[in-house]
Amino acid sequence: MKFRTRKKAKMRAKPAAVAAIVIAVAIVAIIMVAVLFTSCGGKASKAALPAAEPEIAFTLPEELTGRWVSFSGAAIGGPGEIELLRDGSGTAYGEAVAWKVINSRLVLLPRDECVDEGDMPSHAYRVDGIRLMVVNEDGDSGLYVKKEYADAILNGKAYMNNGDYDSAVAGFTEAIRLDSGLAAGYYFRGLAYHDKKDYDSAVADFTEAVRLEPESTDGYLIRGAAYYEKKDYDSAIADFTESIRLDPACERGYMCRSEIYLEKKEYDSAIADITQWIEADRRNATAYNQRGWAYCLKGEFDLGLEDLDTALGLNNEVHYIYHSRGYAYSGKKEYDKAIADFTESIRLEPTDEAYSDRGKAYMEKGDYAAAVADFNSALEISPDYADAVEGLEKAKGLLESKATPKKPASGGGNPKQKGKP
């Protein structure tokens, strides 16, 4: 997905801004799905248990294999699982018995076998309603959720992947009904509303997610995306700024905020943010492309070309970087180089913008027939593309003017012969 393309006058929002926000949202969604899949793995056959029926099933992360753990009211489950039993069997942290994860299964051992204090529990588990909280020695926690809650989230996500956003909203609403104290349900329902273009509802859900997890950078990033779609740029900037405050190394915060600054034509602020993005990842071709584009919009084409050359040195198979550099060359009136870059961009991925911009370069060179062909190609992709409509009309007029011979002046003939018999 591209980050930067030409801004289409009087037509539609700058695709670069949309792309950056969409990517930020996608990353958040991927992170959350990964957390849920990690926390809610597949159910396996049960190990032998005391005579008690399981009430609530949780999952246990594989990284705890070989570690000592303690529970309040827990017993052995299947591989990677913990089951809370109605009779409360299990042990509280610090009591006479402990559980150890061996071969993905929990094994009950007497505490007197824990001879090495270094092997003593480094994680304490607290069961809270339908949630299981993992607390390590430093007090940090990770959340593992009840199977029913995970199923509601995963069902909603499946509907979302199929484009059935109403059913997705219903699935996430069920998750919220099961536990309104977890942010995940609000995050995902907000994403479904976002994809439905119901941005007011999306903002409301993301706001609740932020309330539940005020230290989460993802909450502010994703709400900023929704504010962007509402064209509430100041609120979007505020959220991206908060994500950076919470995590000064938050690349997505700088990336998304720079897009808003470009939209607002605050080029110096955009360049400053993209520079922070580059400082965090000097091998990121997209970041160099973005800053090069910002320099071009500012009219500093030489600086733009430096960044765009760097971007192509990192990745020369991305169509929009060639397009950006073609625009820079056009700004310097080096139309042959511009045409070559636009042509390579089209070879990699034909877009309406690339055809239109190459058409403009041909028109500047006086090759009106080639310009007409490119504007027509752009309109085949996007029939309502204003730049191409305007360019085609102008190129046709110039082509017709060039093809029509000039009429002789009235009373033609050699002026010197006038008046002679």
Protein backbone atom coordinates (compact mmCIF):
# COMPACT_ATOMS: atom_id res chain seq x y z
CA MET A 1 0.00 0.00 0.00
CA LYS A 2 1.34 3.40 -0.90
CA PHE A 3 2.06 6.25 1.43
CA ARG A 4 2.46 9.06 -1.06
CA THR A 5 0.77 10.10 -4.24
CA ARG A 6 -0.08 13.39 -5.81
CA LYS A 7 -2.90 15.33 -4.24
CA LYS A 8 -5.80 15.37 -6.67
CA ALA A 9 -7.20 18.86 -6.92
CA LYS A 10 -10.91 19.41 -6.25
CA MET A 11 -11.62 15.72 -6.17
CA ARG A 12 -10.72 13.56 -3.25
CA ALA A 13 -8.66 13.44 -0.09
CA LYS A 14 -4.92 13.02 -0.45
CA PRO A 15 -4.36 9.26 -0.80
CA ALA A 16 -1.11 9.45 1.16
CA ALA A 17 -2.92 10.57 4.29
CA VAL A 18 -5.57 7.90 3.93
CA ALA A 19 -2.91 5.24 3.37
CA ALA A 20 -0.90 6.15 6.45
CA ILE A 21 -3.99 6.15 8.66
CA VAL A 22 -5.28 2.88 7.24
CA ILE A 23 -1.92 1.24 7.82
CA ALA A 24 -1.85 2.49 11.40
CA VAL A 25 -5.31 1.00 11.95
CA ALA A 26 -4.27 -2.25 10.32
CA ILE A 27 -1.20 -2.56 12.54
CA VAL A 28 -3.30 -2.03 15.64
CA ALA A 29 -5.76 -4.67 14.46
CA ILE A 30 -2.96 -7.14 13.74
CA ILE A 31 -1.44 -6.58 17.18
CA MET A 32 -4.76 -7.14 18.90
CA VAL A 33 -5.59 -10.25 16.87
CA ALA A 34 -2.15 -11.65 17.65
CA VAL A 35 -2.70 -11.03 21.37
CA LEU A 36 -6.05 -12.76 21.29
CA PHE A 37 -4.76 -15.75 19.33
CA THR A 38 -1.83 -16.04 21.75
CA SER A 39 -4.18 -15.79 24.69
CA CYS A 40 -6.93 -18.04 23.37
CA GLY A 41 -5.37 -21.01 21.62
CA GLY A 42 -7.09 -24.15 20.46
CA LYS A 43 -8.67 -26.44 23.03
CA ALA A 44 -7.01 -29.82 23.54
CA SER A 45 -8.07 -33.02 25.25
CA LYS A 46 -8.20 -32.89 29.03
CA ALA A 47 -5.67 -34.44 31.34
CA ALA A 48 -6.88 -36.48 34.28
CA LEU A 49 -8.52 -34.16 36.82
CA PRO A 50 -9.93 -34.48 40.29
CA ALA A 51 -13.66 -35.11 40.36
CA ALA A 52 -14.86 -31.63 39.53
CA GLU A 53 -16.32 -30.12 36.38
CA PRO A 54 -14.52 -27.21 34.72
CA GLU A 55 -16.34 -23.91 34.90
CA ILE A 56 -14.17 -21.44 32.97
CA ALA A 57 -11.36 -22.28 30.54
CA PHE A 58 -8.34 -20.04 29.98
CA THR A 59 -5.22 -20.43 27.91
CA LEU A 60 -1.65 -20.42 29.08
CA PRO A 61 1.19 -18.96 26.97
CA GLU A 62 3.81 -21.44 25.79
CA GLU A 63 6.66 -19.24 27.02
CA LEU A 64 5.80 -20.28 30.58
CA THR A 65 6.90 -23.87 29.85
CA GLY A 66 9.32 -24.97 32.55
CA ARG A 67 8.37 -22.11 34.87
CA TRP A 68 6.86 -22.39 38.34
CA VAL A 69 3.43 -20.82 38.59
CA SER A 70 0.83 -20.47 41.30
CA PHE A 71 -2.93 -19.99 41.08
CA SER A 72 -5.93 -19.13 43.14
CA GLY A 73 -8.59 -21.75 42.47
CA ALA A 74 -7.07 -23.51 39.46
CA ALA A 75 -6.32 -27.04 38.28
CA ILE A 76 -4.77 -28.89 35.34
CA GLY A 77 -6.29 -28.33 31.93
CA GLY A 78 -5.32 -29.49 28.48
CA PRO A 79 -2.01 -28.48 26.89
CA GLY A 80 -1.60 -24.77 27.38
CA GLU A 81 -4.88 -24.43 29.27
CA ILE A 82 -5.99 -23.62 32.79
CA GLU A 83 -9.44 -24.51 34.10
CA LEU A 84 -11.10 -22.95 37.10
CA LEU A 85 -12.92 -25.60 39.09
CA ARG A 86 -16.17 -25.13 40.97
CA ASP A 87 -14.72 -26.59 44.13
CA GLY A 88 -11.90 -24.02 44.11
CA SER A 89 -9.22 -26.69 44.17
CA GLY A 90 -5.76 -25.36 43.53
CA THR A 91 -3.45 -23.23 45.54
CA ALA A 92 -2.92 -19.65 46.50
CA TYR A 93 0.47 -18.12 45.83
CA GLY A 94 2.91 -18.90 48.62
CA GLU A 95 1.06 -21.93 50.02
CA ALA A 96 2.30 -25.48 50.36
CA VAL A 97 1.95 -26.65 46.78
CA ALA A 98 2.87 -25.21 43.38
CA TRP A 99 2.19 -25.85 39.72
CA LYS A 100 4.89 -26.26 37.11
CA VAL A 101 4.42 -26.15 33.35
CA ILE A 102 5.95 -29.35 31.95
CA ASN A 103 5.41 -30.38 28.32
CA SER A 104 2.71 -27.73 28.00
CA ARG A 105 0.82 -29.21 30.95
CA LEU A 106 0.47 -28.02 34.51
CA VAL A 107 1.75 -30.49 37.08
CA LEU A 108 0.97 -30.21 40.77
CA LEU A 109 4.10 -30.61 42.91
CA PRO A 110 4.68 -30.32 46.67
CA ARG A 111 6.42 -27.10 47.57
CA ASP A 112 9.20 -29.04 49.31
CA GLU A 113 10.41 -30.16 45.88
CA CYS A 114 11.08 -26.52 45.02
CA VAL A 115 14.51 -26.59 46.63
CA ASP A 116 16.03 -23.82 44.49
CA GLU A 117 14.54 -20.45 45.35
CA GLY A 118 15.43 -19.34 41.82
CA ASP A 119 12.83 -21.83 40.58
CA MET A 120 10.11 -20.43 42.76
CA PRO A 121 7.12 -18.84 41.02
CA SER A 122 8.02 -15.77 39.01
CA HIS A 123 4.41 -15.34 37.92
CA ALA A 124 1.33 -15.10 40.09
CA TYR A 125 -2.09 -15.64 38.55
CA ARG A 126 -5.27 -13.94 39.68
CA VAL A 127 -8.68 -15.08 38.42
CA ASP A 128 -11.04 -12.14 38.12
CA GLY A 129 -14.49 -12.96 36.76
CA ILE A 130 -13.94 -14.21 33.23
CA ARG A 131 -10.39 -12.86 33.07
CA LEU A 132 -7.11 -14.34 34.17
CA MET A 133 -4.42 -11.83 35.08
CA VAL A 134 -0.77 -12.83 34.80
CA VAL A 135 1.40 -10.75 37.13
CA ASN A 136 5.19 -11.05 37.02
CA GLU A 137 7.76 -10.09 39.63
CA ASP A 138 7.87 -6.50 38.41
CA GLY A 139 4.12 -6.08 38.72
CA ASP A 140 3.57 -6.03 34.94
CA SER A 141 0.57 -7.99 33.78
CA GLY A 142 -0.75 -9.76 30.74
CA LEU A 143 -4.42 -10.58 30.22
CA TYR A 144 -5.84 -13.97 29.26
CA VAL A 145 -9.55 -14.15 28.60
CA LYS A 146 -12.42 -16.59 28.86
CA LYS A 147 -13.06 -18.76 25.79
CA GLU A 148 -16.56 -17.32 25.24
CA TYR A 149 -15.15 -13.81 25.12
CA ALA A 150 -12.41 -14.83 22.69
CA ASP A 151 -14.94 -16.63 20.49
CA ALA A 152 -17.10 -13.49 20.28
CA ILE A 153 -14.08 -11.42 19.26
CA LEU A 154 -12.85 -13.96 16.70
CA ASN A 155 -16.34 -14.39 15.22
CA GLY A 156 -16.67 -10.64 14.85
CA LYS A 157 -13.25 -10.49 13.22
CA ALA A 158 -14.25 -13.20 10.75
CA TYR A 159 -17.36 -11.22 9.78
CA MET A 160 -15.19 -8.12 9.42
CA ASN A 161 -12.79 -9.94 7.08
CA ASN A 162 -15.78 -10.90 4.91
CA GLY A 163 -17.05 -7.31 4.80
CA ASP A 164 -20.14 -8.08 6.90
CA TYR A 165 -19.71 -5.14 9.25
CA ASP A 166 -23.19 -5.28 10.80
CA SER A 167 -22.60 -8.87 11.94
CA ALA A 168 -19.10 -7.89 13.09
CA VAL A 169 -20.56 -5.12 15.23
CA ALA A 170 -23.00 -7.65 16.72
CA GLY A 171 -20.16 -10.05 17.53
CA PHE A 172 -18.06 -7.41 19.23
CA THR A 173 -21.14 -6.15 21.08
CA GLU A 174 -21.56 -9.66 22.49
CA ALA A 175 -17.95 -9.59 23.68
CA ILE A 176 -18.62 -6.26 25.39
CA ARG A 177 -21.73 -7.78 27.01
CA LEU A 178 -19.59 -10.62 28.37
CA ASP A 179 -17.03 -8.21 29.81
CA SER A 180 -17.45 -4.46 29.42
CA GLY A 181 -14.26 -3.91 31.38
CA LEU A 182 -11.99 -5.13 28.58
CA ALA A 183 -10.81 -2.68 25.93
CA ALA A 184 -10.50 -5.25 23.11
CA GLY A 185 -14.25 -5.38 22.41
CA TYR A 186 -14.41 -1.61 22.03
CA TYR A 187 -11.27 -1.51 19.86
CA PHE A 188 -12.64 -4.08 17.44
CA ARG A 189 -16.18 -2.71 17.34
CA GLY A 190 -14.67 0.70 16.68
CA LEU A 191 -12.74 -0.80 13.76
CA ALA A 192 -15.96 -2.29 12.37
CA TYR A 193 -17.70 1.09 12.66
CA HIS A 194 -14.66 2.70 11.03
CA ASP A 195 -14.92 0.33 8.05
CA LYS A 196 -18.66 1.08 7.87
CA LYS A 197 -17.68 4.77 7.68
CA ASP A 198 -19.66 5.40 10.87
CA TYR A 199 -16.88 7.53 12.29
CA ASP A 200 -18.90 9.04 15.14
CA SER A 201 -19.60 5.57 16.56
CA ALA A 202 -15.98 4.59 15.96
CA VAL A 203 -14.73 7.59 17.93
CA ALA A 204 -17.13 6.76 20.77
CA ASP A 205 -15.85 3.17 21.02
CA PHE A 206 -12.20 4.17 20.74
CA THR A 207 -12.78 6.76 23.46
CA GLU A 208 -14.08 4.03 25.79
CA ALA A 209 -11.08 1.86 24.90
CA VAL A 210 -8.78 4.76 25.78
CA ARG A 211 -10.61 5.23 29.07
CA LEU A 212 -10.05 1.57 29.93
CA GLU A 213 -6.42 1.58 28.79
CA PRO A 214 -5.22 5.19 29.13
CA GLU A 215 -1.56 4.21 28.77
CA SER A 216 -2.06 2.38 25.46
CA THR A 217 -0.54 4.14 22.45
CA ASP A 218 -2.75 2.02 20.16
CA GLY A 219 -5.92 3.58 21.54
CA TYR A 220 -4.81 7.09 20.67
CA LEU A 221 -3.46 6.05 17.27
CA ILE A 222 -6.68 4.38 16.24
CA ARG A 223 -8.91 7.17 17.54
CA GLY A 224 -6.70 9.66 15.72
CA ALA A 225 -7.42 7.71 12.54
CA ALA A 226 -11.15 8.09 13.07
CA TYR A 227 -10.78 11.81 13.79
CA TYR A 228 -8.85 12.13 10.53
CA GLU A 229 -11.73 10.57 8.62
CA LYS A 230 -14.06 13.11 10.25
CA LYS A 231 -11.64 15.84 9.06
CA ASP A 232 -11.19 16.84 12.68
CA TYR A 233 -7.48 17.35 12.13
CA ASP A 234 -6.78 19.14 15.40
CA SER A 235 -8.22 16.25 17.44
CA ALA A 236 -6.30 13.77 15.28
CA ILE A 237 -3.05 15.65 15.88
CA ALA A 238 -3.78 15.72 19.62
CA ASP A 239 -4.22 11.92 19.69
CA PHE A 240 -1.10 11.24 17.65
CA THR A 241 0.80 13.64 19.90
CA GLU A 242 -0.41 11.76 22.98
CA SER A 243 0.73 8.45 21.45
CA ILE A 244 4.19 10.00 21.01
CA ARG A 245 4.15 11.32 24.58
CA LEU A 246 3.39 7.84 25.86
CA ASP A 247 6.04 6.30 23.60
CA PRO A 248 8.61 8.75 22.18
CA ALA A 249 9.79 5.98 19.83
CA CYS A 250 6.28 5.50 18.37
CA GLU A 251 7.01 5.51 14.63
CA ARG A 252 3.32 5.28 13.72
CA GLY A 253 2.60 8.38 15.77
CA TYR A 254 5.15 10.42 13.83
CA MET A 255 4.06 8.88 10.54
CA CYS A 256 0.37 9.64 10.99
CA ARG A 257 0.90 13.10 12.46
CA SER A 258 3.15 14.02 9.53
CA GLU A 259 0.31 13.13 7.15
CA ILE A 260 -2.01 15.55 8.90
CA TYR A 261 0.64 18.28 8.77
CA LEU A 262 1.02 17.70 5.01
CA GLU A 263 -2.75 17.95 4.66
CA LYS A 264 -2.65 21.26 6.53
CA LYS A 265 0.35 22.42 4.41
CA GLU A 266 2.47 22.71 7.55
CA TYR A 267 5.48 21.31 5.72
CA ASP A 268 8.18 22.11 8.28
CA SER A 269 6.24 20.28 11.01
CA ALA A 270 5.69 17.34 8.67
CA ILE A 271 9.39 17.18 7.79
CA ALA A 272 10.33 17.28 11.47
CA ASP A 273 8.03 14.33 12.22
CA ILE A 274 9.24 12.28 9.27
CA THR A 275 12.82 12.95 10.33
CA GLN A 276 11.99 11.39 13.72
CA TRP A 277 10.51 8.44 11.84
CA ILE A 278 13.73 8.09 9.83
CA GLU A 279 15.86 8.34 12.97
CA ALA A 280 13.98 5.32 14.32
CA ASP A 281 14.44 3.31 11.10
CA ARG A 282 17.11 4.45 8.66
CA ARG A 283 16.40 1.52 6.32
CA ASN A 284 12.79 2.53 5.73
CA ALA A 285 12.38 3.50 2.06
CA THR A 286 8.82 4.70 2.64
CA ALA A 287 9.95 7.20 5.27
CA TYR A 288 12.57 8.70 2.93
CA ASN A 289 9.97 8.84 0.17
CA GLN A 290 7.57 10.64 2.48
CA ARG A 291 10.12 13.25 3.49
CA GLY A 292 11.21 13.69 -0.12
CA TRP A 293 7.61 14.31 -1.08
CA ALA A 294 7.23 16.85 1.73
CA TYR A 295 10.29 18.72 0.45
CA CYS A 296 8.77 18.73 -3.05
CA LEU A 297 5.50 20.16 -1.76
CA LYS A 298 7.56 22.85 -0.05
CA GLY A 299 9.28 23.59 -3.38
CA GLU A 300 12.69 22.32 -2.24
CA PHE A 301 13.13 19.88 -5.12
CA ASP A 302 16.87 19.28 -4.68
CA LEU A 303 16.42 18.18 -1.06
CA GLY A 304 13.48 16.10 -2.20
CA LEU A 305 15.61 14.37 -4.83
CA GLU A 306 18.26 13.50 -2.24
CA ASP A 307 15.69 11.68 -0.12
CA LEU A 308 14.03 10.03 -3.10
CA ASP A 309 17.37 8.76 -4.42
CA THR A 310 18.01 7.31 -0.97
CA ALA A 311 14.57 5.69 -0.97
CA LEU A 312 15.19 4.05 -4.35
CA GLY A 313 18.59 2.89 -3.14
CA LEU A 314 16.79 1.04 -0.35
CA ASN A 315 13.97 -0.28 -2.54
CA ASN A 316 13.79 0.19 -6.30
CA GLU A 317 10.67 -1.91 -6.82
CA VAL A 318 8.11 0.54 -5.41
CA HIS A 319 6.05 2.43 -7.96
CA TYR A 320 5.19 5.46 -5.87
CA ILE A 321 8.84 6.33 -5.17
CA TYR A 322 9.49 6.64 -8.91
CA HIS A 323 6.32 8.71 -9.13
CA SER A 324 7.56 11.03 -6.38
CA ARG A 325 10.92 11.48 -8.07
CA GLY A 326 9.22 12.11 -11.40
CA TYR A 327 7.26 14.89 -9.74
CA ALA A 328 10.52 16.34 -8.35
CA TYR A 329 12.12 16.31 -11.80
CA SER A 330 9.02 18.00 -13.24
CA GLY A 331 9.40 20.68 -10.57
CA LYS A 332 12.95 21.25 -11.83
CA LYS A 333 11.65 21.28 -15.45
CA GLU A 334 13.76 18.22 -16.29
CA TYR A 335 10.93 16.64 -18.22
CA ASP A 336 12.84 13.80 -19.90
CA LYS A 337 13.94 12.47 -16.50
CA ALA A 338 10.42 13.00 -15.16
CA ILE A 339 8.90 11.03 -18.04
CA ALA A 340 11.38 8.20 -17.48
CA ASP A 341 10.42 7.95 -13.79
CA PHE A 342 6.69 8.16 -14.46
CA THR A 343 7.12 5.42 -17.08
CA GLU A 344 8.85 3.15 -14.56
CA SER A 345 6.15 3.88 -12.01
CA ILE A 346 3.50 2.86 -14.56
CA ARG A 347 5.43 -0.31 -15.42
CA LEU A 348 5.44 -1.33 -11.77
CA GLU A 349 1.80 -0.34 -11.15
CA PRO A 350 -0.36 1.66 -13.57
CA THR A 351 -2.20 4.43 -11.70
CA ASP A 352 -4.34 7.35 -12.81
CA GLU A 353 -1.97 9.80 -11.14
CA ALA A 354 1.14 8.46 -12.88
CA TYR A 355 -0.51 8.60 -16.32
CA SER A 356 -1.82 12.10 -15.64
CA ASP A 357 1.51 13.42 -14.39
CA ARG A 358 3.34 11.90 -17.35
CA GLY A 359 0.75 13.50 -19.61
CA LYS A 360 1.55 16.89 -18.08
CA ALA A 361 5.27 16.33 -18.65
CA TYR A 362 4.62 15.42 -22.31
CA MET A 363 2.51 18.54 -22.66
CA GLU A 364 5.35 20.69 -21.31
CA LYS A 365 7.62 19.15 -23.97
CA GLY A 366 5.08 19.93 -26.68
CA ASP A 367 4.23 16.27 -27.37
CA TYR A 368 0.49 16.82 -27.23
CA ALA A 369 -0.48 13.50 -28.86
CA ALA A 370 1.38 11.55 -26.15
CA ALA A 371 -0.22 13.77 -23.52
CA VAL A 372 -3.73 13.05 -24.88
CA ALA A 373 -3.01 9.30 -24.80
CA ASP A 374 -1.84 9.47 -21.16
CA PHE A 375 -4.80 11.53 -19.99
CA ASN A 376 -7.14 9.04 -21.67
CA SER A 377 -5.34 6.18 -19.89
CA ALA A 378 -5.78 7.98 -16.58
CA LEU A 379 -9.51 8.40 -17.23
CA GLU A 380 -9.88 4.72 -18.08
CA ILE A 381 -8.75 4.02 -14.49
CA SER A 382 -10.67 6.87 -12.84
CA PRO A 383 -13.30 8.43 -15.15
CA ASP A 384 -13.90 11.34 -12.75
CA TYR A 385 -10.26 12.23 -12.12
CA ALA A 386 -10.35 16.05 -12.35
CA ASP A 387 -6.65 16.52 -13.17
CA ALA A 388 -6.92 14.17 -16.14
CA VAL A 389 -10.20 15.71 -17.37
CA GLU A 390 -8.67 19.17 -17.28
CA GLY A 391 -5.39 18.00 -18.82
CA LEU A 392 -7.12 16.15 -21.65
CA GLU A 393 -9.19 19.18 -22.61
CA LYS A 394 -6.11 21.38 -22.66
CA ALA A 395 -3.94 18.87 -24.56
CA LYS A 396 -6.63 18.33 -27.22
CA GLY A 397 -6.93 22.07 -27.73
CA LEU A 398 -3.17 22.46 -28.15
CA LEU A 399 -3.01 19.46 -30.49
CA GLU A 400 -5.80 20.84 -32.69
CA SER A 401 -4.18 24.28 -32.71
CA LYS A 402 -0.86 22.74 -33.76
CA ALA A 403 -2.49 20.71 -36.55
CA THR A 404 -4.55 23.57 -38.03
CA PRO A 405 -2.56 25.68 -40.61
CA LYS A 406 -2.65 29.40 -40.05
CA LYS A 407 -4.91 31.36 -42.43
CA PRO A 408 -3.16 33.99 -44.63
CA ALA A 409 -3.74 37.62 -43.71
CA SER A 410 -6.56 39.38 -45.59
CA GLY A 411 -5.34 40.92 -48.86
CA GLY A 412 -2.63 38.24 -48.89
CA GLY A 413 0.34 38.20 -51.14
CA ASN A 414 3.64 39.99 -50.93
CA PRO A 415 3.00 43.33 -49.25
CA LYS A 416 5.65 44.86 -51.42
CA GLN A 417 3.60 44.08 -54.52
CA LYS A 418 0.56 45.94 -53.24
CA GLY A 419 -0.39 48.94 -55.46
CA LYS A 420 1.50 47.65 -58.53
CA PRO A 421 -0.41 47.02 -61.76
